[in-house]
N, C-alpha and C. Protein backbone atom coordinates (compact mmCIF):
# COMPACT_ATOMS: atom_id res chain seq x y z
N GLY A 1 0.80 -1.19 0.00
CA GLY A 1 0.00 0.00 0.00
C GLY A 1 0.85 1.26 0.00
N MET A 2 0.21 2.32 -0.22
CA MET A 2 0.88 3.62 -0.29
C MET A 2 1.26 4.09 1.11
N GLN A 3 2.51 4.51 1.29
CA GLN A 3 2.93 5.10 2.55
C GLN A 3 2.55 6.58 2.53
N ILE A 4 1.80 7.00 3.54
CA ILE A 4 1.33 8.38 3.62
C ILE A 4 2.24 9.19 4.54
N THR A 5 2.69 10.33 4.03
CA THR A 5 3.40 11.30 4.86
C THR A 5 2.60 12.59 4.82
N GLY A 6 2.55 13.28 5.94
CA GLY A 6 1.66 14.42 6.03
C GLY A 6 2.34 15.75 6.22
N ALA A 7 1.57 16.80 5.93
CA ALA A 7 1.98 18.18 6.15
C ALA A 7 0.84 18.90 6.85
N TYR A 8 1.18 19.89 7.65
CA TYR A 8 0.20 20.69 8.38
C TYR A 8 0.11 22.04 7.68
N ALA A 9 -1.07 22.39 7.16
CA ALA A 9 -1.24 23.61 6.38
C ALA A 9 -2.33 24.49 6.97
N GLN A 10 -1.96 25.24 8.00
CA GLN A 10 -2.90 26.17 8.63
C GLN A 10 -2.47 27.61 8.39
N THR A 11 -1.22 27.92 8.69
CA THR A 11 -0.73 29.30 8.66
C THR A 11 -0.83 29.90 7.27
N GLU A 12 -1.30 31.14 7.19
CA GLU A 12 -1.39 31.86 5.93
C GLU A 12 -0.45 33.07 5.95
N LEU A 13 0.01 33.47 4.80
CA LEU A 13 0.95 34.57 4.67
C LEU A 13 0.45 35.83 5.37
N GLY A 14 -0.81 36.18 5.19
CA GLY A 14 -1.34 37.41 5.75
C GLY A 14 -2.01 37.28 7.10
N HIS A 15 -2.08 36.06 7.65
CA HIS A 15 -2.84 35.87 8.89
C HIS A 15 -2.08 35.10 9.96
N GLY A 16 -0.87 34.66 9.65
CA GLY A 16 -0.10 33.92 10.64
C GLY A 16 -0.91 32.75 11.18
N SER A 17 -0.95 32.63 12.49
CA SER A 17 -1.70 31.53 13.11
C SER A 17 -3.06 31.98 13.63
N ASN A 18 -3.58 33.10 13.13
CA ASN A 18 -4.91 33.58 13.49
C ASN A 18 -5.96 32.74 12.76
N VAL A 19 -6.41 31.67 13.39
CA VAL A 19 -7.31 30.72 12.74
C VAL A 19 -8.62 31.38 12.29
N ARG A 20 -9.18 32.24 13.10
CA ARG A 20 -10.44 32.90 12.72
C ARG A 20 -10.28 33.77 11.47
N GLY A 21 -9.07 34.27 11.23
CA GLY A 21 -8.84 35.15 10.09
C GLY A 21 -8.48 34.44 8.81
N LEU A 22 -8.42 33.12 8.81
CA LEU A 22 -8.03 32.38 7.61
C LEU A 22 -8.96 32.71 6.45
N GLN A 23 -8.36 32.84 5.27
CA GLN A 23 -9.14 33.15 4.07
C GLN A 23 -9.23 32.00 3.08
N THR A 24 -8.48 30.94 3.29
CA THR A 24 -8.61 29.77 2.43
C THR A 24 -10.05 29.28 2.55
N THR A 25 -10.67 28.96 1.42
CA THR A 25 -12.07 28.54 1.43
C THR A 25 -12.20 27.10 0.97
N ALA A 26 -13.26 26.47 1.45
CA ALA A 26 -13.64 25.12 1.02
C ALA A 26 -15.13 25.19 0.69
N HIS A 27 -15.42 25.37 -0.58
CA HIS A 27 -16.82 25.42 -1.03
C HIS A 27 -17.28 23.99 -1.30
N TYR A 28 -18.44 23.63 -0.76
CA TYR A 28 -18.98 22.31 -1.02
C TYR A 28 -19.82 22.38 -2.28
N ASP A 29 -19.46 21.58 -3.29
CA ASP A 29 -20.21 21.49 -4.55
C ASP A 29 -21.27 20.41 -4.35
N VAL A 30 -22.53 20.85 -4.19
CA VAL A 30 -23.61 19.91 -3.89
C VAL A 30 -23.92 18.98 -5.05
N GLU A 31 -23.65 19.39 -6.27
CA GLU A 31 -23.92 18.53 -7.43
C GLU A 31 -22.87 17.43 -7.58
N LYS A 32 -21.61 17.77 -7.33
CA LYS A 32 -20.53 16.80 -7.48
C LYS A 32 -20.19 16.09 -6.17
N HIS A 33 -20.79 16.55 -5.06
CA HIS A 33 -20.53 15.96 -3.74
C HIS A 33 -19.03 16.00 -3.40
N GLU A 34 -18.42 17.18 -3.59
CA GLU A 34 -17.01 17.34 -3.30
C GLU A 34 -16.73 18.75 -2.79
N PHE A 35 -15.58 18.90 -2.15
CA PHE A 35 -15.14 20.19 -1.66
C PHE A 35 -14.14 20.77 -2.64
N VAL A 36 -14.25 22.07 -2.91
CA VAL A 36 -13.32 22.77 -3.78
C VAL A 36 -12.57 23.77 -2.91
N LEU A 37 -11.28 23.50 -2.68
CA LEU A 37 -10.47 24.38 -1.84
C LEU A 37 -9.79 25.43 -2.70
N ASN A 38 -9.68 26.65 -2.15
CA ASN A 38 -9.13 27.76 -2.89
C ASN A 38 -8.43 28.74 -1.95
N THR A 39 -7.32 29.29 -2.40
CA THR A 39 -6.67 30.40 -1.71
C THR A 39 -6.88 31.62 -2.60
N PRO A 40 -7.95 32.39 -2.35
CA PRO A 40 -8.38 33.44 -3.28
C PRO A 40 -7.49 34.68 -3.33
N THR A 41 -6.60 34.86 -2.37
CA THR A 41 -5.75 36.05 -2.35
C THR A 41 -4.31 35.65 -2.02
N LEU A 42 -3.38 36.55 -2.29
CA LEU A 42 -1.99 36.29 -1.93
C LEU A 42 -1.87 36.11 -0.42
N ASP A 43 -2.60 36.89 0.36
CA ASP A 43 -2.56 36.77 1.82
C ASP A 43 -3.05 35.43 2.32
N SER A 44 -3.88 34.74 1.53
CA SER A 44 -4.43 33.46 1.98
C SER A 44 -3.54 32.27 1.61
N MET A 45 -2.43 32.54 0.93
CA MET A 45 -1.50 31.47 0.56
C MET A 45 -0.96 30.80 1.82
N LYS A 46 -0.96 29.48 1.84
CA LYS A 46 -0.43 28.75 2.99
C LYS A 46 1.05 29.04 3.11
N TRP A 47 1.50 29.33 4.33
CA TRP A 47 2.86 29.78 4.58
C TRP A 47 3.48 28.91 5.65
N TRP A 48 4.71 28.51 5.48
CA TRP A 48 5.42 27.63 6.39
C TRP A 48 4.72 26.28 6.59
N PRO A 49 4.16 25.70 5.51
CA PRO A 49 3.53 24.39 5.71
C PRO A 49 4.60 23.32 5.93
N SER A 50 4.54 22.67 7.07
CA SER A 50 5.54 21.66 7.39
C SER A 50 5.53 20.52 6.38
N SER A 51 6.67 20.20 5.86
CA SER A 51 6.87 19.03 4.98
C SER A 51 6.07 19.07 3.68
N MET A 52 5.51 20.21 3.29
CA MET A 52 4.67 20.26 2.08
C MET A 52 5.44 19.86 0.83
N ALA A 53 6.73 20.13 0.78
CA ALA A 53 7.53 19.84 -0.42
C ALA A 53 7.67 18.35 -0.69
N THR A 54 7.51 17.51 0.35
CA THR A 54 7.69 16.08 0.17
C THR A 54 6.50 15.24 0.63
N ALA A 55 5.49 15.86 1.20
CA ALA A 55 4.35 15.12 1.75
C ALA A 55 3.45 14.56 0.66
N THR A 56 2.81 13.45 0.97
CA THR A 56 1.81 12.89 0.05
C THR A 56 0.43 13.49 0.33
N HIS A 57 0.20 13.94 1.56
CA HIS A 57 -1.09 14.50 1.96
C HIS A 57 -0.87 15.72 2.86
N ALA A 58 -1.88 16.57 2.93
CA ALA A 58 -1.82 17.72 3.83
C ALA A 58 -3.14 17.86 4.58
N VAL A 59 -3.03 18.29 5.81
CA VAL A 59 -4.18 18.67 6.61
C VAL A 59 -4.33 20.17 6.41
N VAL A 60 -5.39 20.58 5.71
CA VAL A 60 -5.57 21.97 5.31
C VAL A 60 -6.72 22.59 6.09
N TYR A 61 -6.47 23.73 6.69
CA TYR A 61 -7.50 24.48 7.41
C TYR A 61 -8.14 25.47 6.44
N ALA A 62 -9.48 25.48 6.39
CA ALA A 62 -10.18 26.35 5.46
C ALA A 62 -11.57 26.71 5.99
N GLN A 63 -12.07 27.85 5.52
CA GLN A 63 -13.42 28.29 5.86
C GLN A 63 -14.42 27.49 5.02
N LEU A 64 -15.29 26.73 5.68
CA LEU A 64 -16.28 25.92 4.98
C LEU A 64 -17.46 26.79 4.55
N ILE A 65 -17.82 26.68 3.26
CA ILE A 65 -18.95 27.42 2.71
C ILE A 65 -19.85 26.44 1.96
N ILE A 66 -21.12 26.40 2.34
CA ILE A 66 -22.10 25.54 1.68
C ILE A 66 -23.28 26.40 1.26
N LYS A 67 -23.55 26.38 -0.05
CA LYS A 67 -24.66 27.18 -0.61
C LYS A 67 -24.59 28.64 -0.15
N GLY A 68 -23.36 29.20 -0.13
CA GLY A 68 -23.17 30.59 0.22
C GLY A 68 -23.14 30.90 1.71
N LYS A 69 -23.41 29.91 2.56
CA LYS A 69 -23.40 30.12 4.00
C LYS A 69 -22.07 29.65 4.58
N GLU A 70 -21.47 30.51 5.44
CA GLU A 70 -20.20 30.18 6.06
C GLU A 70 -20.42 29.38 7.35
N TYR A 71 -19.61 28.34 7.53
CA TYR A 71 -19.71 27.47 8.69
C TYR A 71 -18.43 27.45 9.53
N GLY A 72 -17.54 28.42 9.33
CA GLY A 72 -16.32 28.50 10.11
C GLY A 72 -15.22 27.58 9.59
N VAL A 73 -14.13 27.56 10.33
CA VAL A 73 -12.95 26.81 9.92
C VAL A 73 -13.16 25.31 10.15
N HIS A 74 -12.82 24.53 9.13
CA HIS A 74 -12.84 23.07 9.21
C HIS A 74 -11.51 22.56 8.67
N VAL A 75 -11.23 21.30 8.94
CA VAL A 75 -9.96 20.69 8.53
C VAL A 75 -10.24 19.68 7.42
N PHE A 76 -9.42 19.70 6.39
CA PHE A 76 -9.59 18.83 5.23
C PHE A 76 -8.30 18.08 4.95
N MET A 77 -8.41 16.78 4.70
CA MET A 77 -7.27 15.96 4.31
C MET A 77 -7.21 16.00 2.79
N VAL A 78 -6.09 16.50 2.26
CA VAL A 78 -5.94 16.69 0.81
C VAL A 78 -4.75 15.88 0.31
N GLN A 79 -4.98 15.04 -0.70
CA GLN A 79 -3.87 14.30 -1.29
C GLN A 79 -3.12 15.21 -2.25
N LEU A 80 -1.79 15.26 -2.10
CA LEU A 80 -0.94 16.13 -2.92
C LEU A 80 -0.17 15.35 -3.99
N ARG A 81 0.23 14.12 -3.66
CA ARG A 81 1.06 13.32 -4.56
C ARG A 81 0.55 11.89 -4.62
N ASP A 82 0.93 11.20 -5.70
CA ASP A 82 0.54 9.80 -5.84
C ASP A 82 1.56 8.89 -5.15
N GLU A 83 1.41 7.59 -5.31
CA GLU A 83 2.29 6.63 -4.65
C GLU A 83 3.75 6.70 -5.13
N ASN A 84 3.98 7.35 -6.28
CA ASN A 84 5.34 7.55 -6.79
C ASN A 84 5.89 8.93 -6.44
N LEU A 85 5.18 9.63 -5.55
CA LEU A 85 5.53 10.98 -5.08
C LEU A 85 5.48 12.03 -6.19
N GLU A 86 4.70 11.75 -7.23
CA GLU A 86 4.49 12.72 -8.29
C GLU A 86 3.29 13.60 -7.94
N PRO A 87 3.41 14.93 -8.14
CA PRO A 87 2.27 15.82 -7.82
C PRO A 87 1.02 15.42 -8.62
N LEU A 88 -0.13 15.57 -7.98
CA LEU A 88 -1.39 15.25 -8.67
C LEU A 88 -1.79 16.38 -9.59
């Protein structure tokens, strides 16, 4: 099986570790039944993510939005690379 290595992706360039101020979004697409994560501004870019350069997965903190309603910060497990460590 695939060996999983992780990265922690909370801190943003413009918000440091202020979790309430995070701007990364996770919109739930009700038709496709999936989350679409986005860093809409330069300030929302994940900054100092541990092990992101070599990790297969990341735990990403983002503002959850469903049908235009905000539900606060939630955590999402995101696959970054395949079993050969190639970016997806």
